[in-house]
Protein backbone atom coordinates (compact mmCIF):
# COMPACT_ATOMS: atom_id res chain seq x y z
CA UNK A 1 35.01 -21.69 16.82
CA UNK A 2 33.43 -23.41 13.84
CA UNK A 3 30.03 -23.37 15.52
CA UNK A 4 30.25 -19.60 16.05
CA UNK A 5 31.01 -19.00 12.36
CA UNK A 6 28.14 -21.27 11.40
CA UNK A 7 25.81 -19.36 13.74
CA UNK A 8 26.87 -16.02 12.23
CA UNK A 9 26.36 -17.35 8.70
CA UNK A 10 22.95 -18.72 9.64
CA UNK A 11 21.92 -15.41 11.21
CA UNK A 12 23.09 -13.47 8.17
CA UNK A 13 21.16 -15.85 5.93
CA UNK A 14 18.04 -15.47 8.07
CA UNK A 15 18.27 -11.67 8.08
CA UNK A 16 18.70 -11.64 4.30
CA UNK A 17 15.75 -13.97 3.94
CA UNK A 18 13.57 -11.77 6.17
CA UNK A 19 14.59 -8.70 4.19
CA UNK A 20 13.70 -10.39 0.89
CA UNK A 21 10.37 -11.51 2.32
CA UNK A 22 9.67 -7.99 3.59
CA UNK A 23 10.52 -6.45 0.22
CA UNK A 24 8.37 -9.00 -1.59
CA UNK A 25 5.41 -8.25 0.68
CA UNK A 26 5.92 -4.52 0.25
CA UNK A 27 6.05 -4.96 -3.51
CA UNK A 28 2.90 -7.08 -3.47
CA UNK A 29 0.99 -4.50 -1.43
CA UNK A 30 2.09 -1.77 -3.86
CA UNK A 31 0.90 -3.85 -6.81
CA UNK A 32 -2.44 -4.55 -5.13
CA UNK A 33 -2.84 -0.85 -4.34
CA UNK A 34 -2.14 0.05 -7.97
CA UNK A 35 -4.63 -2.53 -9.22
CA UNK A 36 -7.30 -1.23 -6.84
CA UNK A 37 -6.73 2.35 -7.97
CA UNK A 38 -6.81 1.27 -11.62
CA UNK A 39 -10.04 -0.71 -11.23
CA UNK A 40 -11.59 2.22 -9.34
CA UNK A 41 -10.63 4.63 -12.11
CA UNK A 42 -11.96 2.24 -14.76
CA UNK A 43 -15.28 1.82 -12.94
CA UNK A 44 -15.58 5.62 -12.59
CA UNK A 45 -14.72 6.10 -16.27
CA UNK A 46 -17.20 3.47 -17.46
CA UNK A 47 -19.86 4.77 -15.11
């Protein structure tokens, strides 16, 4: 019984970890996109 509870806890922890990782990656890609757009606008403006 104890092993089952441990397994469930471990799975929940793993899922949470994956979700956090996914959100972090999504956030990073958004930031990179914003930076690219900004640098493009700046280069157009300075050109």
